[in-house]
């Protein structure tokens, strides 16, 4: 699959990403990351970009873990039927 360059804006910084993912998906993900970084910067009073990126990664990982656990429980319930 061919990769295309997609420009995204995250926390006032432009990144050019080479990806085979659909542009709409990449833009939606980048917007999610941008919004989380801005929210966490305000909530945690963090200005350091590197620390803010780690907080954002942890925030996303926590959400992913919670969703994975919920998915596993639902899948187990469906399999029991």
C-alpha atoms as a PDB file:
ATOM      1  CA  UNK A   1       0.000   0.000   0.000  1.00  0.00           C
ATOM      2  CA  UNK A   2       1.306   3.443  -0.910  1.00  0.00           C
ATOM      3  CA  UNK A   3       2.151   5.921   1.794  1.00  0.00           C
ATOM      4  CA  UNK A   4       1.160   9.550   1.532  1.00  0.00           C
ATOM      5  CA  UNK A   5       2.359  12.593   3.458  1.00  0.00           C
ATOM      6  CA  UNK A   6      -0.233  14.139   5.744  1.00  0.00           C
ATOM      7  CA  UNK A   7       0.426  17.368   7.611  1.00  0.00           C
ATOM      8  CA  UNK A   8      -1.073  17.620  11.100  1.00  0.00           C
ATOM      9  CA  UNK A   9      -0.991  20.270  13.805  1.00  0.00           C
ATOM     10  CA  UNK A  10      -0.423  19.043  17.364  1.00  0.00           C
ATOM     11  CA  UNK A  11       0.143  21.437  20.259  1.00  0.00           C
ATOM     12  CA  UNK A  12       1.119  24.316  17.975  1.00  0.00           C
ATOM     13  CA  UNK A  13       3.642  22.206  16.084  1.00  0.00           C
ATOM     14  CA  UNK A  14       3.316  20.911  12.527  1.00  0.00           C
ATOM     15  CA  UNK A  15       4.190  17.288  11.802  1.00  0.00           C
ATOM     16  CA  UNK A  16       4.296  15.643   8.406  1.00  0.00           C
ATOM     17  CA  UNK A  17       3.380  11.994   8.723  1.00  0.00           C
ATOM     18  CA  UNK A  18       4.010   9.405   5.996  1.00  0.00           C
ATOM     19  CA  UNK A  19       1.316   6.789   6.339  1.00  0.00           C
ATOM     20  CA  UNK A  20      -0.945   4.436   4.443  1.00  0.00           C
ATOM     21  CA  UNK A  21      -3.818   5.188   6.846  1.00  0.00           C
ATOM     22  CA  UNK A  22      -6.765   7.185   5.493  1.00  0.00           C
ATOM     23  CA  UNK A  23      -6.282  10.943   5.798  1.00  0.00           C
ATOM     24  CA  UNK A  24      -9.557  11.438   7.687  1.00  0.00           C
ATOM     25  CA  UNK A  25      -8.457   8.882  10.294  1.00  0.00           C
ATOM     26  CA  UNK A  26      -5.005  10.469  10.714  1.00  0.00           C
ATOM     27  CA  UNK A  27      -6.503  13.945  11.079  1.00  0.00           C
ATOM     28  CA  UNK A  28      -9.028  12.708  13.651  1.00  0.00           C
ATOM     29  CA  UNK A  29      -6.295  11.010  15.700  1.00  0.00           C
ATOM     30  CA  UNK A  30      -4.057  14.077  15.538  1.00  0.00           C
ATOM     31  CA  UNK A  31      -6.955  16.277  16.651  1.00  0.00           C
ATOM     32  CA  UNK A  32      -7.592  13.934  19.590  1.00  0.00           C
ATOM     33  CA  UNK A  33      -3.933  14.105  20.652  1.00  0.00           C
ATOM     34  CA  UNK A  34      -3.884  17.896  20.240  1.00  0.00           C
ATOM     35  CA  UNK A  35      -7.021  18.337  22.368  1.00  0.00           C
ATOM     36  CA  UNK A  36      -5.696  16.013  25.077  1.00  0.00           C
ATOM     37  CA  UNK A  37      -2.349  17.793  25.217  1.00  0.00           C
ATOM     38  CA  UNK A  38      -4.044  21.165  25.559  1.00  0.00           C
ATOM     39  CA  UNK A  39      -6.427  19.864  28.232  1.00  0.00           C
ATOM     40  CA  UNK A  40      -3.654  18.186  30.195  1.00  0.00           C
ATOM     41  CA  UNK A  41      -1.447  21.287  29.916  1.00  0.00           C
ATOM     42  CA  UNK A  42      -4.217  23.307  31.523  1.00  0.00           C
ATOM     43  CA  UNK A  43      -5.268  20.673  34.083  1.00  0.00           C
ATOM     44  CA  UNK A  44      -1.769  19.624  35.190  1.00  0.00           C
ATOM     45  CA  UNK A  45      -0.151  23.032  34.663  1.00  0.00           C
ATOM     46  CA  UNK A  46       2.567  21.337  32.592  1.00  0.00           C
ATOM     47  CA  UNK A  47       4.431  23.504  30.097  1.00  0.00           C
ATOM     48  CA  UNK A  48       7.312  21.178  29.214  1.00  0.00           C
ATOM     49  CA  UNK A  49       6.415  19.611  25.854  1.00  0.00           C
ATOM     50  CA  UNK A  50       8.212  16.330  26.594  1.00  0.00           C
ATOM     51  CA  UNK A  51       6.480  15.834  29.944  1.00  0.00           C
ATOM     52  CA  UNK A  52       3.180  16.805  28.379  1.00  0.00           C
ATOM     53  CA  UNK A  53       3.688  14.226  25.625  1.00  0.00           C
ATOM     54  CA  UNK A  54       4.333  11.542  28.263  1.00  0.00           C
ATOM     55  CA  UNK A  55       1.211  12.570  30.223  1.00  0.00           C
ATOM     56  CA  UNK A  56      -0.788  12.387  26.998  1.00  0.00           C
ATOM     57  CA  UNK A  57       0.613   8.944  26.170  1.00  0.00           C
ATOM     58  CA  UNK A  58      -0.260   7.725  29.670  1.00  0.00           C
ATOM     59  CA  UNK A  59      -3.753   9.189  29.391  1.00  0.00           C
ATOM     60  CA  UNK A  60      -4.324   7.442  26.057  1.00  0.00           C
ATOM     61  CA  UNK A  61      -2.829   4.176  27.327  1.00  0.00           C
ATOM     62  CA  UNK A  62      -5.132   4.244  30.359  1.00  0.00           C
ATOM     63  CA  UNK A  63      -8.152   4.740  28.125  1.00  0.00           C
ATOM     64  CA  UNK A  64      -7.000   1.967  25.787  1.00  0.00           C
ATOM     65  CA  UNK A  65      -6.470  -0.415  28.710  1.00  0.00           C
ATOM     66  CA  UNK A  66      -9.932   0.337  30.101  1.00  0.00           C
ATOM     67  CA  UNK A  67     -11.552  -0.187  26.702  1.00  0.00           C
ATOM     68  CA  UNK A  68      -9.610  -3.426  26.152  1.00  0.00           C
ATOM     69  CA  UNK A  69     -10.762  -4.763  29.527  1.00  0.00           C
ATOM     70  CA  UNK A  70     -14.379  -3.857  28.732  1.00  0.00           C
ATOM     71  CA  UNK A  71     -14.078  -5.476  25.308  1.00  0.00           C
ATOM     72  CA  UNK A  72     -12.599  -8.667  26.795  1.00  0.00           C
ATOM     73  CA  UNK A  73     -15.476  -8.885  29.318  1.00  0.00           C
ATOM     74  CA  UNK A  74     -18.086  -8.375  26.611  1.00  0.00           C
ATOM     75  CA  UNK A  75     -16.418 -10.921  24.355  1.00  0.00           C
ATOM     76  CA  UNK A  76     -16.300 -13.453  27.194  1.00  0.00           C
ATOM     77  CA  UNK A  77     -20.012 -12.861  27.910  1.00  0.00           C
ATOM     78  CA  UNK A  78     -20.904 -13.387  24.248  1.00  0.00           C
ATOM     79  CA  UNK A  79     -18.856 -16.592  24.081  1.00  0.00           C
ATOM     80  CA  UNK A  80     -20.641 -17.976  27.156  1.00  0.00           C
ATOM     81  CA  UNK A  81     -24.018 -17.780  25.402  1.00  0.00           C
END
